[in-house]
Amino acid sequence: MKGEFFISVSNSKVKYEFSIKRNITVIQGDSATGKTTLVDMIREFEQNGADSGINLSSKKKCRVLEGNNWEENLSLMNDSIIFIDEGNRFVESADFAKAVKNSGNYYVIVTREGLDNLPYSIEEIYGIHTSGKYADLKQVYHEFYRIYGNNNFNDCRIEKIITEDSNSGFDFFNAVCGEKIRIKKYR
């Protein structure tokens, strides 16, 4: 599975809208920010469809993975966006990392822990931001925000690059930087 996928999940009180760009997205944040509510809503929609009172819009099927039978359940999930809530210890295992690597799914993992076995991008770690509460019966709108940098390297002024590699490393930086930056090789 490749590409960016927009997801909208809502009920009469809460609405989440976000895009998934890579195969692993991590959601972090404090308690009571709506992380588990998001996963619960997707689980409820998966089990009961429109009868759940939840609206879910996505080009790919959204599923929840949890529990001791995760391997068996995951083997039945293909071409899906899979949500995993905190407390599922299998997420930290080497077996899970291998399963993710060999799968065609995208994963949205809610966790406060580091995921040492999984190769995820620092740019795909998000928190949930609440942008307004009106009353208990009115909708609360949630959006994801990037926790780690929207680094704009266009504002960065590099004056020198030093490389000890006189072959491919030097050739790479020389081709990328051209005449804009002085590049010197040291032996």
N, C-alpha and C. Protein backbone atom coordinates (compact mmCIF):
# COMPACT_ATOMS: atom_id res chain seq x y z
N MET A 1 0.85 -1.16 0.00
CA MET A 1 0.00 0.00 0.00
C MET A 1 0.90 1.23 0.00
N LYS A 2 0.65 2.16 -0.88
CA LYS A 2 1.45 3.38 -0.97
C LYS A 2 0.52 4.57 -1.14
N GLY A 3 1.00 5.72 -0.69
CA GLY A 3 0.24 6.94 -0.88
C GLY A 3 -0.27 7.53 0.41
N GLU A 4 -0.99 8.63 0.27
CA GLU A 4 -1.56 9.33 1.41
C GLU A 4 -3.06 9.07 1.45
N PHE A 5 -3.58 8.80 2.66
CA PHE A 5 -4.99 8.47 2.82
C PHE A 5 -5.62 9.38 3.87
N PHE A 6 -6.72 10.02 3.49
CA PHE A 6 -7.47 10.90 4.38
C PHE A 6 -8.52 10.08 5.11
N ILE A 7 -8.63 10.30 6.43
CA ILE A 7 -9.59 9.58 7.25
C ILE A 7 -10.42 10.59 8.03
N SER A 8 -11.72 10.38 8.06
CA SER A 8 -12.62 11.18 8.86
C SER A 8 -13.47 10.22 9.69
N VAL A 9 -13.46 10.42 11.02
CA VAL A 9 -14.23 9.59 11.94
C VAL A 9 -15.03 10.54 12.82
N SER A 10 -16.35 10.34 12.90
CA SER A 10 -17.15 11.26 13.71
C SER A 10 -18.38 10.56 14.26
N ASN A 11 -18.89 11.13 15.35
CA ASN A 11 -20.21 10.79 15.87
C ASN A 11 -20.88 12.10 16.24
N SER A 12 -21.90 12.09 17.06
CA SER A 12 -22.62 13.32 17.37
C SER A 12 -21.82 14.26 18.28
N LYS A 13 -20.74 13.77 18.88
CA LYS A 13 -19.98 14.60 19.83
C LYS A 13 -18.55 14.92 19.39
N VAL A 14 -17.95 14.05 18.61
CA VAL A 14 -16.52 14.16 18.32
C VAL A 14 -16.26 13.94 16.84
N LYS A 15 -15.27 14.67 16.31
CA LYS A 15 -14.87 14.47 14.92
C LYS A 15 -13.35 14.51 14.82
N TYR A 16 -12.80 13.52 14.14
CA TYR A 16 -11.36 13.46 13.87
C TYR A 16 -11.18 13.49 12.36
N GLU A 17 -10.24 14.31 11.90
CA GLU A 17 -9.87 14.32 10.49
C GLU A 17 -8.35 14.37 10.42
N PHE A 18 -7.76 13.47 9.64
CA PHE A 18 -6.31 13.41 9.53
C PHE A 18 -5.93 12.63 8.29
N SER A 19 -4.67 12.75 7.90
CA SER A 19 -4.13 12.02 6.76
C SER A 19 -2.99 11.13 7.24
N ILE A 20 -2.95 9.95 6.67
CA ILE A 20 -1.88 8.99 6.94
C ILE A 20 -0.99 8.98 5.71
N LYS A 21 0.31 9.23 5.90
CA LYS A 21 1.21 9.35 4.75
C LYS A 21 2.20 8.20 4.63
N ARG A 22 2.48 7.54 5.73
CA ARG A 22 3.48 6.46 5.72
C ARG A 22 2.91 5.22 6.36
N ASN A 23 3.66 4.13 6.27
CA ASN A 23 3.11 2.87 6.77
C ASN A 23 3.03 2.82 8.29
N ILE A 24 3.77 3.65 9.00
CA ILE A 24 3.65 3.69 10.46
C ILE A 24 3.47 5.14 10.91
N THR A 25 2.36 5.38 11.61
CA THR A 25 2.09 6.67 12.22
C THR A 25 1.92 6.43 13.71
N VAL A 26 2.53 7.28 14.52
CA VAL A 26 2.46 7.15 15.97
C VAL A 26 1.68 8.33 16.53
N ILE A 27 0.74 8.04 17.43
CA ILE A 27 -0.01 9.09 18.12
C ILE A 27 0.38 9.04 19.59
N GLN A 28 0.86 10.16 20.10
CA GLN A 28 1.26 10.27 21.50
C GLN A 28 0.49 11.40 22.15
N GLY A 29 0.59 11.48 23.46
CA GLY A 29 -0.02 12.61 24.15
C GLY A 29 -0.48 12.25 25.53
N ASP A 30 -0.92 13.27 26.25
CA ASP A 30 -1.38 13.10 27.63
C ASP A 30 -2.70 12.34 27.67
N SER A 31 -3.06 11.93 28.88
CA SER A 31 -4.37 11.30 29.09
C SER A 31 -5.47 12.30 28.76
N ALA A 32 -6.62 11.77 28.36
CA ALA A 32 -7.83 12.55 28.10
C ALA A 32 -7.70 13.50 26.92
N THR A 33 -6.86 13.15 25.94
CA THR A 33 -6.77 13.98 24.74
C THR A 33 -7.56 13.39 23.58
N GLY A 34 -8.08 12.17 23.73
CA GLY A 34 -8.92 11.58 22.70
C GLY A 34 -8.29 10.46 21.90
N LYS A 35 -7.12 10.00 22.30
CA LYS A 35 -6.44 8.94 21.55
C LYS A 35 -7.24 7.64 21.58
N THR A 36 -7.60 7.20 22.77
CA THR A 36 -8.35 5.95 22.91
C THR A 36 -9.76 6.09 22.36
N THR A 37 -10.35 7.27 22.46
CA THR A 37 -11.67 7.50 21.89
C THR A 37 -11.65 7.26 20.38
N LEU A 38 -10.60 7.72 19.72
CA LEU A 38 -10.47 7.50 18.28
C LEU A 38 -10.46 6.01 17.96
N VAL A 39 -9.64 5.24 18.67
CA VAL A 39 -9.55 3.80 18.42
C VAL A 39 -10.88 3.11 18.76
N ASP A 40 -11.51 3.52 19.85
CA ASP A 40 -12.80 2.94 20.24
C ASP A 40 -13.86 3.19 19.17
N MET A 41 -13.86 4.37 18.58
CA MET A 41 -14.84 4.69 17.54
C MET A 41 -14.61 3.82 16.30
N ILE A 42 -13.37 3.62 15.95
CA ILE A 42 -13.08 2.77 14.78
C ILE A 42 -13.47 1.33 15.07
N ARG A 43 -13.20 0.84 16.27
CA ARG A 43 -13.61 -0.51 16.67
C ARG A 43 -15.13 -0.66 16.61
N GLU A 44 -15.83 0.34 17.15
CA GLU A 44 -17.30 0.30 17.16
C GLU A 44 -17.85 0.30 15.74
N PHE A 45 -17.28 1.11 14.86
CA PHE A 45 -17.73 1.14 13.47
C PHE A 45 -17.43 -0.18 12.78
N GLU A 46 -16.26 -0.75 13.06
CA GLU A 46 -15.87 -2.04 12.47
C GLU A 46 -16.85 -3.14 12.87
N GLN A 47 -17.30 -3.10 14.11
CA GLN A 47 -18.20 -4.15 14.61
C GLN A 47 -19.66 -3.93 14.21
N ASN A 48 -20.11 -2.68 14.19
CA ASN A 48 -21.54 -2.42 14.00
C ASN A 48 -21.89 -1.56 12.79
N GLY A 49 -20.92 -1.10 12.04
CA GLY A 49 -21.17 -0.29 10.86
C GLY A 49 -21.96 0.97 11.17
N ALA A 50 -22.86 1.34 10.29
CA ALA A 50 -23.65 2.57 10.45
C ALA A 50 -24.55 2.53 11.67
N ASP A 51 -24.91 1.33 12.14
CA ASP A 51 -25.74 1.21 13.35
C ASP A 51 -25.04 1.73 14.60
N SER A 52 -23.73 1.91 14.53
CA SER A 52 -22.97 2.41 15.67
C SER A 52 -23.18 3.90 15.91
N GLY A 53 -23.71 4.60 14.92
CA GLY A 53 -23.85 6.05 15.03
C GLY A 53 -22.57 6.78 14.68
N ILE A 54 -21.62 6.04 14.15
CA ILE A 54 -20.32 6.60 13.80
C ILE A 54 -20.21 6.67 12.28
N ASN A 55 -19.69 7.79 11.80
CA ASN A 55 -19.41 7.95 10.37
C ASN A 55 -17.90 7.80 10.18
N LEU A 56 -17.52 6.91 9.30
CA LEU A 56 -16.10 6.70 9.01
C LEU A 56 -15.93 6.81 7.51
N SER A 57 -15.05 7.70 7.09
CA SER A 57 -14.78 7.89 5.68
C SER A 57 -13.29 7.66 5.43
N SER A 58 -13.00 6.68 4.57
CA SER A 58 -11.62 6.36 4.22
C SER A 58 -11.63 5.53 2.96
N LYS A 59 -10.65 5.73 2.09
CA LYS A 59 -10.54 4.92 0.88
C LYS A 59 -10.10 3.49 1.21
N LYS A 60 -9.46 3.32 2.34
CA LYS A 60 -9.00 2.00 2.78
C LYS A 60 -9.80 1.58 4.00
N LYS A 61 -9.96 0.30 4.18
CA LYS A 61 -10.68 -0.22 5.33
C LYS A 61 -9.87 0.07 6.60
N CYS A 62 -10.54 0.56 7.63
CA CYS A 62 -9.90 0.85 8.93
C CYS A 62 -10.26 -0.27 9.89
N ARG A 63 -9.25 -0.84 10.54
CA ARG A 63 -9.44 -1.97 11.43
C ARG A 63 -8.71 -1.70 12.74
N VAL A 64 -9.07 -2.42 13.79
CA VAL A 64 -8.39 -2.34 15.08
C VAL A 64 -7.76 -3.70 15.36
N LEU A 65 -6.49 -3.69 15.74
CA LEU A 65 -5.76 -4.90 16.09
C LEU A 65 -5.46 -4.87 17.57
N GLU A 66 -5.79 -5.96 18.27
CA GLU A 66 -5.56 -6.01 19.71
C GLU A 66 -5.59 -7.45 20.20
N GLY A 67 -5.10 -7.66 21.41
CA GLY A 67 -5.25 -8.94 22.10
C GLY A 67 -4.20 -9.98 21.79
N ASN A 68 -4.38 -11.13 22.43
CA ASN A 68 -3.41 -12.23 22.33
C ASN A 68 -3.40 -12.91 20.97
N ASN A 69 -4.48 -12.80 20.22
CA ASN A 69 -4.55 -13.44 18.90
C ASN A 69 -4.17 -12.49 17.78
N TRP A 70 -3.32 -11.52 18.08
CA TRP A 70 -3.00 -10.49 17.12
C TRP A 70 -2.40 -11.06 15.83
N GLU A 71 -1.55 -12.09 15.93
CA GLU A 71 -0.92 -12.65 14.73
C GLU A 71 -1.95 -13.25 13.79
N GLU A 72 -2.85 -14.02 14.33
CA GLU A 72 -3.90 -14.64 13.52
C GLU A 72 -4.81 -13.58 12.91
N ASN A 73 -5.20 -12.60 13.72
CA ASN A 73 -6.07 -11.53 13.21
C ASN A 73 -5.37 -10.70 12.14
N LEU A 74 -4.10 -10.39 12.35
CA LEU A 74 -3.34 -9.59 11.38
C LEU A 74 -3.20 -10.33 10.05
N SER A 75 -3.08 -11.64 10.11
CA SER A 75 -2.94 -12.41 8.86
C SER A 75 -4.19 -12.29 7.99
N LEU A 76 -5.32 -11.91 8.56
CA LEU A 76 -6.57 -11.75 7.81
C LEU A 76 -6.79 -10.32 7.32
N MET A 77 -5.91 -9.41 7.71
CA MET A 77 -6.06 -8.00 7.36
C MET A 77 -5.09 -7.63 6.24
N ASN A 78 -5.63 -7.22 5.11
CA ASN A 78 -4.80 -6.82 3.98
C ASN A 78 -5.29 -5.50 3.41
N ASP A 79 -4.33 -4.69 2.94
CA ASP A 79 -4.66 -3.42 2.29
C ASP A 79 -5.57 -2.57 3.17
N SER A 80 -5.21 -2.48 4.46
CA SER A 80 -6.03 -1.78 5.45
C SER A 80 -5.18 -0.78 6.25
N ILE A 81 -5.86 0.10 6.93
CA ILE A 81 -5.22 0.98 7.91
C ILE A 81 -5.57 0.40 9.27
N ILE A 82 -4.56 -0.03 10.00
CA ILE A 82 -4.76 -0.77 11.24
C ILE A 82 -4.41 0.13 12.43
N PHE A 83 -5.37 0.26 13.34
CA PHE A 83 -5.20 1.07 14.54
C PHE A 83 -4.91 0.16 15.73
N ILE A 84 -3.94 0.56 16.54
CA ILE A 84 -3.56 -0.21 17.72
C ILE A 84 -3.48 0.74 18.90
N ASP A 85 -4.24 0.45 19.95
CA ASP A 85 -4.28 1.31 21.12
C ASP A 85 -3.19 0.93 22.12
N GLU A 86 -2.94 1.82 23.06
CA GLU A 86 -1.99 1.58 24.13
C GLU A 86 -2.34 0.30 24.88
N GLY A 87 -1.34 -0.30 25.48
CA GLY A 87 -1.58 -1.47 26.31
C GLY A 87 -1.43 -2.78 25.57
N ASN A 88 -1.28 -2.75 24.28
CA ASN A 88 -1.06 -3.98 23.51
C ASN A 88 0.45 -4.21 23.44
N ARG A 89 0.94 -5.07 24.32
CA ARG A 89 2.38 -5.27 24.49
C ARG A 89 3.04 -5.87 23.25
N PHE A 90 2.27 -6.53 22.40
CA PHE A 90 2.86 -7.14 21.22
C PHE A 90 3.52 -6.12 20.30
N VAL A 91 3.13 -4.86 20.41
CA VAL A 91 3.67 -3.80 19.54
C VAL A 91 5.18 -3.67 19.72
N GLU A 92 5.68 -3.99 20.89
CA GLU A 92 7.10 -3.86 21.19
C GLU A 92 7.91 -5.07 20.76
N SER A 93 7.27 -6.12 20.26
CA SER A 93 7.97 -7.37 19.98
C SER A 93 8.63 -7.38 18.59
N ALA A 94 9.66 -8.21 18.48
CA ALA A 94 10.32 -8.40 17.20
C ALA A 94 9.40 -9.10 16.21
N ASP A 95 8.52 -9.98 16.71
CA ASP A 95 7.56 -10.66 15.83
C ASP A 95 6.61 -9.67 15.17
N PHE A 96 6.16 -8.68 15.94
CA PHE A 96 5.27 -7.67 15.38
C PHE A 96 6.02 -6.83 14.34
N ALA A 97 7.25 -6.45 14.64
CA ALA A 97 8.04 -5.67 13.68
C ALA A 97 8.22 -6.42 12.37
N LYS A 98 8.46 -7.72 12.46
CA LYS A 98 8.61 -8.55 11.25
C LYS A 98 7.29 -8.60 10.48
N ALA A 99 6.17 -8.73 11.20
CA ALA A 99 4.86 -8.78 10.56
C ALA A 99 4.55 -7.46 9.85
N VAL A 100 4.91 -6.35 10.46
CA VAL A 100 4.69 -5.03 9.85
C VAL A 100 5.51 -4.90 8.57
N LYS A 101 6.76 -5.32 8.65
CA LYS A 101 7.66 -5.22 7.50
C LYS A 101 7.14 -6.02 6.31
N ASN A 102 6.53 -7.17 6.58
CA ASN A 102 6.06 -8.04 5.51
C ASN A 102 4.60 -7.82 5.11
N SER A 103 4.00 -6.75 5.62
CA SER A 103 2.58 -6.54 5.36
C SER A 103 2.38 -5.38 4.39
N GLY A 104 1.21 -5.35 3.78
CA GLY A 104 0.85 -4.26 2.88
C GLY A 104 -0.09 -3.28 3.54
N ASN A 105 -0.10 -3.23 4.86
CA ASN A 105 -1.00 -2.36 5.61
C ASN A 105 -0.29 -1.10 6.07
N TYR A 106 -1.07 -0.10 6.46
CA TYR A 106 -0.58 1.06 7.19
C TYR A 106 -0.98 0.85 8.65
N TYR A 107 -0.18 1.39 9.58
CA TYR A 107 -0.43 1.20 11.01
C TYR A 107 -0.46 2.56 11.70
N VAL A 108 -1.48 2.76 12.55
CA VAL A 108 -1.58 3.93 13.41
C VAL A 108 -1.50 3.39 14.83
N ILE A 109 -0.42 3.71 15.51
CA ILE A 109 -0.15 3.12 16.82
C ILE A 109 -0.22 4.21 17.89
N VAL A 110 -1.12 4.02 18.85
CA VAL A 110 -1.24 4.92 19.98
C VAL A 110 -0.34 4.38 21.08
N THR A 111 0.67 5.15 21.46
CA THR A 111 1.59 4.70 22.50
C THR A 111 2.35 5.88 23.08
N ARG A 112 2.77 5.71 24.31
CA ARG A 112 3.65 6.70 24.95
C ARG A 112 5.06 6.15 25.05
N GLU A 113 5.23 4.90 24.68
CA GLU A 113 6.52 4.22 24.77
C GLU A 113 7.26 4.34 23.44
N GLY A 114 8.57 4.14 23.51
CA GLY A 114 9.36 4.07 22.29
C GLY A 114 9.11 2.73 21.61
N LEU A 115 9.21 2.72 20.32
CA LEU A 115 9.00 1.49 19.55
C LEU A 115 10.31 1.15 18.86
N ASP A 116 11.23 0.59 19.63
CA ASP A 116 12.59 0.36 19.17
C ASP A 116 12.69 -0.59 17.98
N ASN A 117 11.75 -1.50 17.85
CA ASN A 117 11.81 -2.49 16.77
C ASN A 117 11.21 -2.01 15.46
N LEU A 118 10.51 -0.88 15.48
CA LEU A 118 9.81 -0.41 14.29
C LEU A 118 10.51 0.79 13.66
N PRO A 119 10.63 0.79 12.34
CA PRO A 119 11.27 1.92 11.64
C PRO A 119 10.23 2.97 11.24
N TYR A 120 9.97 3.92 12.13
CA TYR A 120 9.01 4.96 11.81
C TYR A 120 9.72 6.31 11.76
N SER A 121 9.12 7.22 11.04
CA SER A 121 9.71 8.54 10.83
C SER A 121 9.35 9.47 11.98
N ILE A 122 10.29 10.28 12.39
CA ILE A 122 10.04 11.28 13.43
C ILE A 122 8.98 12.27 12.96
N GLU A 123 8.83 12.42 11.65
CA GLU A 123 7.83 13.33 11.11
C GLU A 123 6.43 12.75 11.14
N GLU A 124 6.30 11.50 11.50
CA GLU A 124 4.98 10.87 11.57
C GLU A 124 4.59 10.53 13.01
N ILE A 125 5.02 11.36 13.94
CA ILE A 125 4.60 11.25 15.34
C ILE A 125 3.69 12.44 15.62
N TYR A 126 2.46 12.16 16.04
CA TYR A 126 1.46 13.20 16.20
C TYR A 126 0.85 13.18 17.59
N GLY A 127 0.25 14.29 17.95
CA GLY A 127 -0.61 14.41 19.12
C GLY A 127 -1.99 14.80 18.61
N ILE A 128 -2.98 14.80 19.48
CA ILE A 128 -4.33 15.21 19.08
C ILE A 128 -4.63 16.54 19.73
N HIS A 129 -5.05 17.49 18.92
CA HIS A 129 -5.35 18.84 19.38
C HIS A 129 -6.85 19.06 19.32
N THR A 130 -7.42 19.51 20.40
CA THR A 130 -8.85 19.81 20.43
C THR A 130 -9.02 21.29 20.14
N SER A 131 -9.82 21.60 19.13
CA SER A 131 -9.94 23.00 18.75
C SER A 131 -11.26 23.63 19.16
N GLY A 132 -12.01 23.00 19.99
CA GLY A 132 -13.21 23.67 20.47
C GLY A 132 -14.20 22.72 21.11
N LYS A 133 -14.79 23.15 22.21
CA LYS A 133 -15.87 22.41 22.86
C LYS A 133 -17.02 23.38 23.03
N TYR A 134 -18.21 22.95 22.67
CA TYR A 134 -19.35 23.85 22.76
C TYR A 134 -20.28 23.44 23.89
N ALA A 135 -20.71 22.21 23.89
CA ALA A 135 -21.57 21.65 24.93
C ALA A 135 -21.48 20.16 24.80
N ASP A 136 -22.00 19.45 25.78
CA ASP A 136 -21.88 17.99 25.75
C ASP A 136 -22.50 17.36 24.52
N LEU A 137 -23.53 17.97 23.98
CA LEU A 137 -24.22 17.38 22.85
C LEU A 137 -23.72 17.89 21.51
N LYS A 138 -22.84 18.86 21.52
CA LYS A 138 -22.32 19.40 20.27
C LYS A 138 -20.99 18.73 19.94
N GLN A 139 -20.65 18.88 18.72
CA GLN A 139 -19.46 18.21 18.22
C GLN A 139 -18.18 18.87 18.73
N VAL A 140 -17.22 18.03 19.06
CA VAL A 140 -15.88 18.49 19.40
C VAL A 140 -14.99 18.12 18.22
N TYR A 141 -14.25 19.06 17.75
CA TYR A 141 -13.42 18.82 16.57
C TYR A 141 -12.00 18.55 17.01
N HIS A 142 -11.44 17.44 16.55
CA HIS A 142 -10.06 17.07 16.88
C HIS A 142 -9.22 17.08 15.60
N GLU A 143 -7.98 17.45 15.74
CA GLU A 143 -7.06 17.37 14.62
C GLU A 143 -5.71 16.90 15.12
N PHE A 144 -4.93 16.32 14.26
CA PHE A 144 -3.59 15.88 14.63
C PHE A 144 -2.64 17.06 14.46
N TYR A 145 -1.64 17.11 15.28
CA TYR A 145 -0.58 18.08 15.09
C TYR A 145 0.75 17.34 15.21
N ARG A 146 1.72 17.83 14.49
CA ARG A 146 3.03 17.19 14.46
C ARG A 146 3.78 17.54 15.74
N ILE A 147 4.29 16.53 16.42
CA ILE A 147 5.02 16.76 17.66
C ILE A 147 6.45 17.18 17.37
N TYR A 148 7.10 16.49 16.45
CA TYR A 148 8.48 16.79 16.13
C TYR A 148 8.56 17.45 14.78
N GLY A 149 9.17 18.58 14.74
CA GLY A 149 9.50 19.48 13.69
C GLY A 149 8.86 19.42 12.34
N ASN A 150 8.51 20.55 11.89
CA ASN A 150 8.25 20.84 10.50
C ASN A 150 9.47 21.62 10.05
N ASN A 151 10.60 20.95 10.04
CA ASN A 151 11.85 21.64 9.78
C ASN A 151 11.89 22.15 8.35
N ASN A 152 12.14 23.42 8.23
CA ASN A 152 12.29 24.02 6.92
C ASN A 152 13.76 24.29 6.71
N PHE A 153 14.42 23.40 5.99
CA PHE A 153 15.85 23.52 5.79
C PHE A 153 16.20 24.54 4.72
N ASN A 154 15.18 25.12 4.09
CA ASN A 154 15.45 26.16 3.11
C ASN A 154 16.01 27.41 3.79
N ASP A 155 15.71 27.59 5.07
CA ASP A 155 16.20 28.75 5.81
C ASP A 155 17.59 28.51 6.39
N CYS A 156 18.09 27.31 6.27
CA CYS A 156 19.38 26.93 6.84
C CYS A 156 20.49 27.42 5.91
N ARG A 157 21.52 28.03 6.48
CA ARG A 157 22.64 28.54 5.68
C ARG A 157 23.86 27.70 5.94
N ILE A 158 24.16 26.82 5.03
CA ILE A 158 25.34 25.96 5.13
C ILE A 158 26.45 26.63 4.35
N GLU A 159 27.58 26.79 5.01
CA GLU A 159 28.71 27.44 4.35
C GLU A 159 29.79 26.47 3.93
N LYS A 160 29.94 25.39 4.70
CA LYS A 160 30.98 24.41 4.39
C LYS A 160 30.48 23.01 4.66
N ILE A 161 30.92 22.08 3.83
CA ILE A 161 30.71 20.67 4.08
C ILE A 161 32.07 20.01 4.02
N ILE A 162 32.36 19.25 5.05
CA ILE A 162 33.65 18.55 5.10
C ILE A 162 33.34 17.06 5.02
N THR A 163 33.98 16.38 4.10
CA THR A 163 33.81 14.94 3.98
C THR A 163 35.17 14.27 3.94
N GLU A 164 35.29 13.15 4.67
CA GLU A 164 36.55 12.42 4.64
C GLU A 164 36.58 11.43 3.49
N ASP A 165 35.43 11.24 2.86
CA ASP A 165 35.32 10.31 1.74
C ASP A 165 35.64 11.07 0.46
N SER A 166 36.70 10.67 -0.23
CA SER A 166 37.08 11.38 -1.45
C SER A 166 36.41 10.79 -2.69
N ASN A 167 35.59 9.78 -2.48
CA ASN A 167 34.92 9.16 -3.63
C ASN A 167 33.43 9.48 -3.62
N SER A 168 32.60 8.50 -3.30
CA SER A 168 31.16 8.66 -3.45
C SER A 168 30.57 9.74 -2.53
N GLY A 169 31.06 9.85 -1.29
CA GLY A 169 30.55 10.88 -0.38
C GLY A 169 30.82 12.27 -0.92
N PHE A 170 32.04 12.50 -1.37
CA PHE A 170 32.40 13.79 -1.95
C PHE A 170 31.59 14.05 -3.21
N ASP A 171 31.50 13.03 -4.07
CA ASP A 171 30.74 13.19 -5.32
C ASP A 171 29.27 13.51 -5.04
N PHE A 172 28.69 12.86 -4.04
CA PHE A 172 27.28 13.11 -3.69
C PHE A 172 27.08 14.58 -3.29
N PHE A 173 27.84 15.06 -2.31
CA PHE A 173 27.65 16.42 -1.83
C PHE A 173 27.99 17.44 -2.92
N ASN A 174 28.96 17.14 -3.73
CA ASN A 174 29.33 18.03 -4.81
C ASN A 174 28.19 18.14 -5.82
N ALA A 175 27.52 17.01 -6.12
CA ALA A 175 26.41 17.01 -7.07
C ALA A 175 25.19 17.72 -6.48
N VAL A 176 24.92 17.52 -5.19
CA VAL A 176 23.74 18.11 -4.55
C VAL A 176 23.91 19.60 -4.35
N CYS A 177 25.07 20.00 -3.89
CA CYS A 177 25.28 21.40 -3.51
C CYS A 177 25.82 22.26 -4.65
N GLY A 178 26.42 21.62 -5.61
CA GLY A 178 26.94 22.36 -6.75
C GLY A 178 27.93 23.43 -6.32
N GLU A 179 27.76 24.60 -6.87
CA GLU A 179 28.69 25.69 -6.58
C GLU A 179 28.20 26.58 -5.46
N LYS A 180 27.07 26.24 -4.83
CA LYS A 180 26.51 27.08 -3.77
C LYS A 180 27.32 27.00 -2.49
N ILE A 181 27.95 25.85 -2.26
CA ILE A 181 28.67 25.62 -1.00
C ILE A 181 30.06 25.12 -1.31
N ARG A 182 31.03 25.63 -0.56
CA ARG A 182 32.40 25.20 -0.72
C ARG A 182 32.56 23.80 -0.09
N ILE A 183 32.99 22.85 -0.87
CA ILE A 183 33.17 21.49 -0.37
C ILE A 183 34.64 21.14 -0.48
N LYS A 184 35.14 20.63 0.65
CA LYS A 184 36.57 20.31 0.69
C LYS A 184 36.71 18.88 1.17
N LYS A 185 37.54 18.12 0.51
CA LYS A 185 37.80 16.76 0.97
C LYS A 185 39.13 16.72 1.72
N TYR A 186 39.10 16.02 2.84
CA TYR A 186 40.27 15.87 3.67
C TYR A 186 40.73 14.43 3.62
N ARG A 187 42.03 14.24 3.57
CA ARG A 187 42.60 12.89 3.57
C ARG A 187 43.45 12.67 4.77
